[in-house]
C-alpha atoms as a PDB file:
ATOM      1  CA  MET A   1      -2.037  -6.147  -8.855  1.00  0.00           C
ATOM      2  CA  ASN A   2       2.012  -5.766  -8.326  1.00  0.00           C
ATOM      3  CA  PRO A   3       3.025  -6.825  -4.298  1.00  0.00           C
ATOM      4  CA  LEU A   4       6.590  -5.441  -3.199  1.00  0.00           C
ATOM      5  CA  GLY A   5       6.363  -7.632  -0.243  1.00  0.00           C
ATOM      6  CA  GLY A   6       5.272  -9.006   2.678  1.00  0.00           C
ATOM      7  CA  LYS A   7       2.211  -7.719   4.546  1.00  0.00           C
ATOM      8  CA  ALA A   8       1.009  -9.066   7.945  1.00  0.00           C
ATOM      9  CA  GLY A   9      -1.033  -7.593   9.925  1.00  0.00           C
ATOM     10  CA  THR A  10      -3.281  -8.354  12.612  1.00  0.00           C
ATOM     11  CA  ALA A  11      -7.658  -7.324  13.658  1.00  0.00           C
ATOM     12  CA  ASP A  12      -9.360  -7.459  16.339  1.00  0.00           C
ATOM     13  CA  CYS A  13     -11.505 -10.354  14.971  1.00  0.00           C
ATOM     14  CA  ALA A  14      -9.802 -12.213  11.861  1.00  0.00           C
ATOM     15  CA  VAL A  15     -11.513 -15.368  13.324  1.00  0.00           C
ATOM     16  CA  GLN A  16     -14.442 -16.290  14.396  1.00  0.00           C
ATOM     17  CA  HIS A  17     -14.255 -17.338  18.214  1.00  0.00           C
ATOM     18  CA  ILE A  18     -16.701 -18.956  21.280  1.00  0.00           C
ATOM     19  CA  PHE A  19     -16.530 -17.952  23.858  1.00  0.00           C
ATOM     20  CA  ILE A  20     -18.643 -18.808  27.520  1.00  0.00           C
ATOM     21  CA  ASP A  21     -19.797 -15.545  29.711  1.00  0.00           C
ATOM     22  CA  HIS A  22     -19.750 -15.157  33.688  1.00  0.00           C
ATOM     23  CA  GLY A  23     -23.467 -16.037  32.690  1.00  0.00           C
ATOM     24  CA  GLY A  24     -23.077 -19.720  31.022  1.00  0.00           C
ATOM     25  CA  THR A  25     -24.248 -17.546  28.029  1.00  0.00           C
ATOM     26  CA  THR A  26     -22.455 -19.183  24.330  1.00  0.00           C
ATOM     27  CA  MET A  27     -21.457 -16.278  22.431  1.00  0.00           C
ATOM     28  CA  THR A  28     -19.212 -15.374  19.515  1.00  0.00           C
ATOM     29  CA  THR A  29     -17.797 -12.592  18.335  1.00  0.00           C
ATOM     30  CA  PRO A  30     -17.784 -11.959  14.419  1.00  0.00           C
ATOM     31  CA  GLU A  31     -16.008 -12.540  11.718  1.00  0.00           C
ATOM     32  CA  CYS A  32     -13.748 -10.479  10.388  1.00  0.00           C
ATOM     33  CA  ILE A  33     -12.171 -10.305   6.702  1.00  0.00           C
ATOM     34  CA  ARG A  34      -8.805 -12.160   7.117  1.00  0.00           C
ATOM     35  CA  VAL A  35      -5.548 -10.050   6.381  1.00  0.00           C
ATOM     36  CA  PHE A  36      -3.425 -11.493   3.606  1.00  0.00           C
ATOM     37  CA  ASP A  37       0.422 -11.561   3.922  1.00  0.00           C
ATOM     38  CA  SER A  38       1.424 -11.441   0.236  1.00  0.00           C
ATOM     39  CA  GLN A  39       4.137 -14.319   0.212  1.00  0.00           C
ATOM     40  CA  GLY A  40       0.908 -16.860   1.802  1.00  0.00           C
ATOM     41  CA  GLU A  41      -1.159 -19.728   0.130  1.00  0.00           C
ATOM     42  CA  ALA A  42      -4.490 -17.158   1.663  1.00  0.00           C
ATOM     43  CA  TYR A  43      -2.870 -14.069  -0.400  1.00  0.00           C
ATOM     44  CA  LYS A  44      -2.296 -15.665  -3.959  1.00  0.00           C
ATOM     45  CA  GLN A  45      -5.548 -18.330  -4.191  1.00  0.00           C
ATOM     46  CA  ALA A  46      -6.939 -14.171  -4.101  1.00  0.00           C
ATOM     47  CA  PHE A  47      -5.592 -12.778  -6.382  1.00  0.00           C
ATOM     48  CA  GLN A  48      -6.279 -15.438  -8.808  1.00  0.00           C
ATOM     49  CA  ILE A  49      -9.437 -15.218  -8.251  1.00  0.00           C
ATOM     50  CA  PHE A  50      -8.558 -11.715  -9.718  1.00  0.00           C
ATOM     51  CA  LEU A  51      -7.062 -12.323 -12.166  1.00  0.00           C
ATOM     52  CA  ASP A  52      -9.874 -14.851 -12.921  1.00  0.00           C
ATOM     53  CA  HIS A  53     -12.826 -12.678 -13.083  1.00  0.00           C
ATOM     54  CA  THR A  54     -11.010  -8.979 -14.109  1.00  0.00           C
ATOM     55  CA  ASP A  55     -10.138  -7.014 -17.841  1.00  0.00           C
ATOM     56  CA  GLN A  56      -9.175  -5.000 -15.455  1.00  0.00           C
ATOM     57  CA  LYS A  57      -5.207  -6.476 -17.317  1.00  0.00           C
ATOM     58  CA  ARG A  58      -7.041  -7.166 -21.580  1.00  0.00           C
ATOM     59  CA  ASN A  59      -7.302  -3.359 -20.554  1.00  0.00           C
ATOM     60  CA  ALA A  60      -4.896  -2.297 -19.464  1.00  0.00           C
ATOM     61  CA  LYS A  61      -1.831  -4.240 -22.566  1.00  0.00           C
ATOM     62  CA  ARG A  62      -4.729  -3.068 -25.469  1.00  0.00           C
ATOM     63  CA  TRP A  63      -4.017   1.071 -23.403  1.00  0.00           C
ATOM     64  CA  LEU A  64      -0.543   0.204 -23.045  1.00  0.00           C
ATOM     65  CA  GLN A  65       0.135  -0.788 -26.541  1.00  0.00           C
ATOM     66  CA  GLN A  66      -1.445   2.662 -27.933  1.00  0.00           C
ATOM     67  CA  VAL A  67       1.863   4.075 -26.137  1.00  0.00           C
ATOM     68  CA  VAL A  68       4.274   1.527 -27.404  1.00  0.00           C
ATOM     69  CA  ASP A  69       3.016   1.711 -30.884  1.00  0.00           C
ATOM     70  CA  ASP A  70       3.743   5.001 -30.774  1.00  0.00           C
ATOM     71  CA  LEU A  71       7.164   4.782 -29.215  1.00  0.00           C
ATOM     72  CA  PRO A  72       9.905   6.691 -31.719  1.00  0.00           C
ATOM     73  CA  SER A  73      12.392   4.059 -29.916  1.00  0.00           C
ATOM     74  CA  ARG A  74      11.917   1.212 -28.605  1.00  0.00           C
ATOM     75  CA  LYS A  75      15.393  -0.777 -26.890  1.00  0.00           C
ATOM     76  CA  VAL A  76      14.191  -0.752 -23.684  1.00  0.00           C
ATOM     77  CA  PHE A  77      11.276  -1.631 -21.769  1.00  0.00           C
ATOM     78  CA  ILE A  78      11.227  -1.411 -17.791  1.00  0.00           C
ATOM     79  CA  ASP A  79       8.830  -2.892 -15.631  1.00  0.00           C
ATOM     80  CA  ALA A  80       8.915  -1.384 -11.515  1.00  0.00           C
ATOM     81  CA  GLY A  81       6.560  -3.676 -10.124  1.00  0.00           C
ATOM     82  CA  ALA A  82       6.675  -6.102 -12.578  1.00  0.00           C
ATOM     83  CA  GLY A  83       3.960  -8.146 -10.629  1.00  0.00           C
ATOM     84  CA  ASN A  84       3.435 -11.977 -11.618  1.00  0.00           C
ATOM     85  CA  GLY A  85       4.579 -11.085 -14.840  1.00  0.00           C
ATOM     86  CA  GLU A  86       1.652 -10.998 -17.184  1.00  0.00           C
ATOM     87  CA  VAL A  87       2.193  -7.994 -18.010  1.00  0.00           C
ATOM     88  CA  THR A  88       6.352  -7.335 -19.507  1.00  0.00           C
ATOM     89  CA  ARG A  89       5.366 -10.490 -21.623  1.00  0.00           C
ATOM     90  CA  GLY A  90       2.800  -8.455 -22.759  1.00  0.00           C
ATOM     91  CA  PHE A  91       4.873  -5.733 -24.136  1.00  0.00           C
ATOM     92  CA  ALA A  92       8.644  -7.395 -23.285  1.00  0.00           C
ATOM     93  CA  GLY A  93       8.561  -9.026 -27.460  1.00  0.00           C
ATOM     94  CA  ALA A  94       7.879  -4.732 -28.700  1.00  0.00           C
ATOM     95  CA  PHE A  95      11.906  -4.389 -27.000  1.00  0.00           C
ATOM     96  CA  ASP A  96      15.183  -4.999 -28.041  1.00  0.00           C
ATOM     97  CA  ARG A  97      15.590  -5.552 -23.765  1.00  0.00           C
ATOM     98  CA  THR A  98      13.558  -5.742 -20.549  1.00  0.00           C
ATOM     99  CA  ILE A  99      14.276  -5.291 -17.169  1.00  0.00           C
ATOM    100  CA  ALA A 100      11.687  -5.831 -14.610  1.00  0.00           C
ATOM    101  CA  ILE A 101      12.066  -4.460 -11.306  1.00  0.00           C
ATOM    102  CA  GLU A 102      10.328  -6.996  -8.908  1.00  0.00           C
ATOM    103  CA  PRO A 103      11.203  -8.160  -4.888  1.00  0.00           C
ATOM    104  CA  ASN A 104       8.016 -10.200  -3.705  1.00  0.00           C
ATOM    105  CA  ALA A 105      10.105 -13.332  -3.995  1.00  0.00           C
ATOM    106  CA  TYR A 106       7.248 -15.308  -5.066  1.00  0.00           C
ATOM    107  CA  LEU A 107       5.724 -12.181  -7.516  1.00  0.00           C
ATOM    108  CA  LEU A 108       9.698 -12.066  -8.901  1.00  0.00           C
ATOM    109  CA  ASN A 109       9.775 -16.316  -9.439  1.00  0.00           C
ATOM    110  CA  GLN A 110       6.711 -16.153 -11.199  1.00  0.00           C
ATOM    111  CA  LEU A 111       7.432 -14.091 -13.817  1.00  0.00           C
ATOM    112  CA  GLN A 112      11.472 -15.196 -14.297  1.00  0.00           C
ATOM    113  CA  GLN A 113       9.292 -18.704 -15.642  1.00  0.00           C
ATOM    114  CA  VAL A 114       7.088 -16.467 -17.749  1.00  0.00           C
ATOM    115  CA  VAL A 115       9.647 -13.980 -19.101  1.00  0.00           C
ATOM    116  CA  PRO A 116      13.114 -15.915 -18.735  1.00  0.00           C
ATOM    117  CA  ALA A 117      14.514 -12.888 -21.252  1.00  0.00           C
ATOM    118  CA  VAL A 118      14.189 -10.667 -18.409  1.00  0.00           C
ATOM    119  CA  HIS A 119      16.850  -9.168 -16.717  1.00  0.00           C
ATOM    120  CA  ALA A 120      14.868  -9.112 -13.342  1.00  0.00           C
ATOM    121  CA  ILE A 121      15.917  -7.294 -10.297  1.00  0.00           C
ATOM    122  CA  GLY A 122      14.638  -8.127  -7.032  1.00  0.00           C
ATOM    123  CA  GLU A 123      15.448  -4.850  -5.583  1.00  0.00           C
ATOM    124  CA  THR A 124      12.401  -2.251  -4.526  1.00  0.00           C
ATOM    125  CA  ILE A 125      12.683   1.140  -6.766  1.00  0.00           C
ATOM    126  CA  LEU A 126      14.263   2.888  -5.336  1.00  0.00           C
ATOM    127  CA  ALA A 127      16.991   0.202  -4.693  1.00  0.00           C
ATOM    128  CA  ALA A 128      17.223  -0.296  -7.991  1.00  0.00           C
ATOM    129  CA  ARG A 129      19.932   0.875 -10.525  1.00  0.00           C
ATOM    130  CA  PRO A 130      18.693  -0.688 -14.677  1.00  0.00           C
ATOM    131  CA  ALA A 131      21.846  -0.899 -16.317  1.00  0.00           C
ATOM    132  CA  ALA A 132      20.362   0.810 -18.838  1.00  0.00           C
ATOM    133  CA  GLN A 133      17.907   3.748 -20.100  1.00  0.00           C
ATOM    134  CA  GLY A 134      13.848   2.458 -20.860  1.00  0.00           C
ATOM    135  CA  ASP A 135      12.019   4.781 -24.048  1.00  0.00           C
ATOM    136  CA  PHE A 136       8.811   3.147 -21.905  1.00  0.00           C
ATOM    137  CA  VAL A 137       8.796   2.448 -18.540  1.00  0.00           C
ATOM    138  CA  LEU A 138       5.583   1.461 -15.932  1.00  0.00           C
ATOM    139  CA  CYS A 139       4.871   0.375 -13.129  1.00  0.00           C
ATOM    140  CA  SER A 140       1.835  -0.541 -12.809  1.00  0.00           C
ATOM    141  CA  HIS A 141      -0.753  -0.435  -9.570  1.00  0.00           C
ATOM    142  CA  THR A 142       2.695  -0.943  -7.396  1.00  0.00           C
ATOM    143  CA  LEU A 143       2.206   2.385  -4.888  1.00  0.00           C
ATOM    144  CA  TYR A 144      -1.036   1.101  -2.694  1.00  0.00           C
ATOM    145  CA  TYR A 145       1.755  -0.468  -1.671  1.00  0.00           C
ATOM    146  CA  ILE A 146       3.965   2.011  -1.408  1.00  0.00           C
ATOM    147  CA  PRO A 147       3.893   4.150   1.811  1.00  0.00           C
ATOM    148  CA  ALA A 148       2.082   8.045   0.282  1.00  0.00           C
ATOM    149  CA  ASP A 149       4.730  11.016   1.496  1.00  0.00           C
ATOM    150  CA  GLN A 150       7.628   8.062  -0.814  1.00  0.00           C
ATOM    151  CA  TRP A 151       4.786   8.358  -3.823  1.00  0.00           C
ATOM    152  CA  LEU A 152       6.841  11.238  -5.149  1.00  0.00           C
ATOM    153  CA  ALA A 153      10.727  10.117  -5.112  1.00  0.00           C
ATOM    154  CA  HIS A 154       9.434   6.857  -6.360  1.00  0.00           C
ATOM    155  CA  LEU A 155       8.555   8.953  -9.001  1.00  0.00           C
ATOM    156  CA  GLU A 156      10.740  10.895 -10.481  1.00  0.00           C
ATOM    157  CA  ARG A 157      12.940   8.184  -9.168  1.00  0.00           C
ATOM    158  CA  LEU A 158      10.872   6.184 -12.048  1.00  0.00           C
ATOM    159  CA  VAL A 159      11.317   9.093 -14.900  1.00  0.00           C
ATOM    160  CA  SER A 160      15.395   9.342 -13.997  1.00  0.00           C
ATOM    161  CA  TRP A 161      15.232   5.984 -16.206  1.00  0.00           C
ATOM    162  CA  MET A 162      14.166   7.238 -19.015  1.00  0.00           C
ATOM    163  CA  SER A 163      15.291   8.417 -21.828  1.00  0.00           C
ATOM    164  CA  PRO A 164      14.675  11.436 -23.065  1.00  0.00           C
ATOM    165  CA  THR A 165      12.217  10.304 -26.431  1.00  0.00           C
ATOM    166  CA  GLY A 166      10.129   8.200 -23.899  1.00  0.00           C
ATOM    167  CA  VAL A 167       8.340   7.571 -21.760  1.00  0.00           C
ATOM    168  CA  THR A 168       7.569   7.095 -17.770  1.00  0.00           C
ATOM    169  CA  ILE A 169       3.152   5.395 -17.194  1.00  0.00           C
ATOM    170  CA  VAL A 170       1.725   4.815 -13.369  1.00  0.00           C
ATOM    171  CA  VAL A 171      -1.174   3.202 -13.365  1.00  0.00           C
ATOM    172  CA  LEU A 172      -3.411   2.828 -10.520  1.00  0.00           C
ATOM    173  CA  GLN A 173      -7.184   2.511  -9.870  1.00  0.00           C
ATOM    174  CA  HIS A 174      -8.920   5.838 -10.047  1.00  0.00           C
ATOM    175  CA  ARG A 175      -9.988   6.918  -7.048  1.00  0.00           C
ATOM    176  CA  GLU A 176     -13.903   6.716  -7.221  1.00  0.00           C
ATOM    177  CA  SER A 177     -14.141   4.203  -8.565  1.00  0.00           C
ATOM    178  CA  GLY A 178     -16.361   1.309  -7.264  1.00  0.00           C
ATOM    179  CA  CYS A 179     -12.777  -0.752  -5.856  1.00  0.00           C
ATOM    180  CA  MET A 180     -11.550   2.414  -3.765  1.00  0.00           C
ATOM    181  CA  ASN A 181     -15.678   3.474  -2.987  1.00  0.00           C
ATOM    182  CA  MET A 182     -15.718   0.516  -1.471  1.00  0.00           C
ATOM    183  CA  VAL A 183     -11.823   1.437   0.438  1.00  0.00           C
ATOM    184  CA  HIS A 184     -12.876   4.416   1.573  1.00  0.00           C
ATOM    185  CA  HIS A 185     -16.397   3.524   3.351  1.00  0.00           C
ATOM    186  CA  PHE A 186     -14.065   0.315   4.904  1.00  0.00           C
ATOM    187  CA  PHE A 187     -11.025   2.675   5.721  1.00  0.00           C
ATOM    188  CA  GLY A 188     -11.929   6.396   4.580  1.00  0.00           C
ATOM    189  CA  HIS A 189      -8.865   6.719   2.262  1.00  0.00           C
ATOM    190  CA  ARG A 190      -8.616   6.057  -0.910  1.00  0.00           C
ATOM    191  CA  PHE A 191      -5.588   6.209  -4.177  1.00  0.00           C
ATOM    192  CA  GLU A 192      -5.004   9.605  -5.279  1.00  0.00           C
ATOM    193  CA  LEU A 193      -3.007   9.478  -8.245  1.00  0.00           C
ATOM    194  CA  ARG A 194      -4.061  12.790  -9.220  1.00  0.00           C
ATOM    195  CA  ARG A 195      -1.747  14.401  -5.709  1.00  0.00           C
ATOM    196  CA  ILE A 196       1.278  12.899  -7.351  1.00  0.00           C
ATOM    197  CA  ALA A 197       0.894  14.511 -10.633  1.00  0.00           C
ATOM    198  CA  ASP A 198       0.059  17.685  -9.360  1.00  0.00           C
ATOM    199  CA  GLU A 199       3.275  17.255  -7.033  1.00  0.00           C
ATOM    200  CA  PHE A 200       5.229  16.458  -9.686  1.00  0.00           C
ATOM    201  CA  ARG A 201       4.309  19.538 -11.337  1.00  0.00           C
ATOM    202  CA  ALA A 202       4.511  21.261  -8.915  1.00  0.00           C
ATOM    203  CA  LYS A 203       8.657  20.462  -8.661  1.00  0.00           C
ATOM    204  CA  HIS A 204       9.410  19.255 -12.603  1.00  0.00           C
ATOM    205  CA  GLY A 205       7.246  21.401 -14.934  1.00  0.00           C
ATOM    206  CA  ASP A 206       8.792  23.091 -16.951  1.00  0.00           C
ATOM    207  CA  ARG A 207      10.466  19.914 -17.625  1.00  0.00           C
ATOM    208  CA  TYR A 208       7.993  17.214 -18.483  1.00  0.00           C
ATOM    209  CA  ASN A 209       4.423  16.852 -19.853  1.00  0.00           C
ATOM    210  CA  VAL A 210       2.399  15.470 -17.335  1.00  0.00           C
ATOM    211  CA  MET A 211      -1.339  14.227 -18.036  1.00  0.00           C
ATOM    212  CA  ILE A 212      -3.985  11.469 -16.453  1.00  0.00           C
ATOM    213  CA  THR A 213      -5.432   9.927 -18.433  1.00  0.00           C
ATOM    214  CA  LEU A 214      -9.119   7.184 -17.153  1.00  0.00           C
ATOM    215  CA  ASP A 215      -9.618   4.219 -18.657  1.00  0.00           C
ATOM    216  CA  ARG A 216     -12.929   2.319 -17.160  1.00  0.00           C
ATOM    217  CA  ALA A 217     -12.412  -1.475 -16.417  1.00  0.00           C
ATOM    218  CA  HIS A 218     -14.433  -3.986 -13.787  1.00  0.00           C
ATOM    219  CA  VAL A 219     -14.584  -7.544 -12.384  1.00  0.00           C
ATOM    220  CA  THR A 220     -17.286  -9.831 -13.253  1.00  0.00           C
ATOM    221  CA  THR A 221     -17.736 -11.980 -10.777  1.00  0.00           C
ATOM    222  CA  PRO A 222     -20.411 -15.194 -10.477  1.00  0.00           C
ATOM    223  CA  ASP A 223     -21.367 -15.195  -6.685  1.00  0.00           C
ATOM    224  CA  LEU A 224     -21.160 -13.303  -3.554  1.00  0.00           C
ATOM    225  CA  ALA A 225     -18.822 -16.262  -2.760  1.00  0.00           C
ATOM    226  CA  SER A 226     -16.198 -14.690  -5.411  1.00  0.00           C
ATOM    227  CA  THR A 227     -17.591 -10.851  -4.552  1.00  0.00           C
ATOM    228  CA  TYR A 228     -16.332 -11.831  -1.212  1.00  0.00           C
ATOM    229  CA  ALA A 229     -12.959 -12.520  -2.288  1.00  0.00           C
ATOM    230  CA  VAL A 230     -11.834 -10.152  -4.653  1.00  0.00           C
ATOM    231  CA  ALA A 231     -13.364  -7.556  -2.106  1.00  0.00           C
ATOM    232  CA  GLU A 232     -10.765  -8.928   0.666  1.00  0.00           C
ATOM    233  CA  PHE A 233      -8.335  -9.286  -1.463  1.00  0.00           C
ATOM    234  CA  MET A 234      -9.025  -5.111  -2.530  1.00  0.00           C
ATOM    235  CA  LEU A 235      -9.798  -3.960   0.593  1.00  0.00           C
ATOM    236  CA  ASN A 236      -5.635  -5.523   2.051  1.00  0.00           C
ATOM    237  CA  LEU A 237      -4.032  -2.606   0.008  1.00  0.00           C
ATOM    238  CA  LEU A 238      -4.305  -1.354   2.810  1.00  0.00           C
ATOM    239  CA  ASN A 239      -2.663  -2.290   5.875  1.00  0.00           C
ATOM    240  CA  ILE A 240      -5.684  -3.842   8.611  1.00  0.00           C
ATOM    241  CA  ASP A 241      -5.319  -2.774  11.783  1.00  0.00           C
ATOM    242  CA  HIS A 242      -9.258  -3.401  12.572  1.00  0.00           C
ATOM    243  CA  ALA A 243     -10.786  -5.940  10.222  1.00  0.00           C
ATOM    244  CA  PRO A 244     -14.411  -4.861   8.789  1.00  0.00           C
ATOM    245  CA  THR A 245     -16.556  -7.782   9.692  1.00  0.00           C
ATOM    246  CA  ARG A 246     -17.270 -10.702   7.100  1.00  0.00           C
ATOM    247  CA  LEU A 247     -21.060  -9.842   7.009  1.00  0.00           C
ATOM    248  CA  ASP A 248     -20.025  -6.373   7.059  1.00  0.00           C
ATOM    249  CA  VAL A 249     -18.147  -6.916   3.216  1.00  0.00           C
ATOM    250  CA  GLU A 250     -20.655  -8.823   2.328  1.00  0.00           C
ATOM    251  CA  ALA A 251     -23.268  -6.792   2.720  1.00  0.00           C
ATOM    252  CA  TYR A 252     -21.823  -3.920   1.352  1.00  0.00           C
ATOM    253  CA  VAL A 253     -20.448  -6.058  -1.619  1.00  0.00           C
ATOM    254  CA  HIS A 254     -24.599  -6.597  -2.781  1.00  0.00           C
ATOM    255  CA  ALA A 255     -26.098  -3.290  -2.131  1.00  0.00           C
ATOM    256  CA  HIS A 256     -23.409  -2.074  -4.228  1.00  0.00           C
ATOM    257  CA  PHE A 257     -22.508  -4.226  -6.723  1.00  0.00           C
ATOM    258  CA  ALA A 258     -24.939  -7.185  -7.773  1.00  0.00           C
ATOM    259  CA  THR A 259     -26.791  -7.018 -11.433  1.00  0.00           C
ATOM    260  CA  PRO A 260     -30.054  -7.948 -11.452  1.00  0.00           C
ATOM    261  CA  ASP A 261     -29.027 -11.596 -13.651  1.00  0.00           C
ATOM    262  CA  GLY A 262     -27.444 -12.589 -10.048  1.00  0.00           C
ATOM    263  CA  SER A 263     -24.097 -11.927 -11.130  1.00  0.00           C
ATOM    264  CA  TYR A 264     -21.881  -9.142  -9.335  1.00  0.00           C
ATOM    265  CA  ARG A 265     -19.598  -5.759 -11.159  1.00  0.00           C
ATOM    266  CA  ILE A 266     -16.795  -4.323  -9.804  1.00  0.00           C
ATOM    267  CA  PRO A 267     -15.087  -1.136 -11.298  1.00  0.00           C
ATOM    268  CA  VAL A 268     -11.634  -0.664 -11.683  1.00  0.00           C
ATOM    269  CA  ASP A 269     -11.545   1.924 -13.681  1.00  0.00           C
ATOM    270  CA  GLN A 270      -7.563   3.389 -13.486  1.00  0.00           C
ATOM    271  CA  ASP A 271      -6.083   5.711 -14.047  1.00  0.00           C
ATOM    272  CA  PHE A 272      -2.550   6.285 -16.843  1.00  0.00           C
ATOM    273  CA  LEU A 273      -0.110   8.582 -15.863  1.00  0.00           C
ATOM    274  CA  GLN A 274       1.914   9.836 -18.596  1.00  0.00           C
ATOM    275  CA  VAL A 275       5.717  11.865 -18.511  1.00  0.00           C
ATOM    276  CA  ARG A 276       7.729  12.756 -21.062  1.00  0.00           C
ATOM    277  CA  ALA A 277      10.367  15.388 -21.448  1.00  0.00           C
ATOM    278  CA  ARG A 278       9.385  18.463 -23.099  1.00  0.00           C
ATOM    279  CA  ALA A 279      10.990  19.028 -26.715  1.00  0.00           C
ATOM    280  CA  ALA A 280      13.781  22.020 -26.236  1.00  0.00           C
ATOM    281  CA  GLY A 281      11.889  24.965 -26.819  1.00  0.00           C
ATOM    282  CA  CYS A 282       9.126  24.460 -25.767  1.00  0.00           C
ATOM    283  CA  ASN A 283       6.760  26.109 -23.201  1.00  0.00           C
ATOM    284  CA  LYS A 284       5.212  25.830 -20.116  1.00  0.00           C
ATOM    285  CA  SER A 285       1.816  24.759 -20.061  1.00  0.00           C
END
């Protein structure tokens, strides 16, 4: 995951409260999931639990490596929303120059330690001005933190940084992965990468080839506690006004993600949106 800035909110039951009603009866409000600030320690810990138990990044690197190997030129890599630099590091060595864009100060600091030679830009995608065109422009798991009505503008900005023979790739969880089904269950929302692909095709389709590829991934955890921590982290992909209760989330993950051996397995399948310039003279497909 690659959050773009601090996120904070309040929930009706973010912590458990004990109170006495007028009849003298002790009552409690239910404990709800936490609402994270992406600059805070709780967020950092939850993110690390996710990273420690998923093959999502490893699978993404494998899939993306095939794309990188086939590029006709590997002069510049632009990683937009580079996060902690884990993915950046995996590809920086294949390019003469790497530019990483990450406005989250905590993650930017991690990135600079992981990839010291990177040219780091601590700004948002729309504010950033890379000094070179990218043969490989990557935006991995970043659109969650950008309002949906700005997705097209962000994709257009990414593509504007692409070299004539390069590729722009946007990665996001598949709209019907187990994780997204959970987000939809509690908040009635799905992240839909295909929608932005359709909008981009409608506006620019005569100039670019646009396609989406699905790649499988999972979070595998040994117990309910770590599974709940991952679920809580995933639910914070959205701004939370009314948080679900901890008991409801635990019940959901147990019902949908428990395996016969007592562990848990959450599908976090990924969509890869590819945009490439059409060769001169190609007909629109």
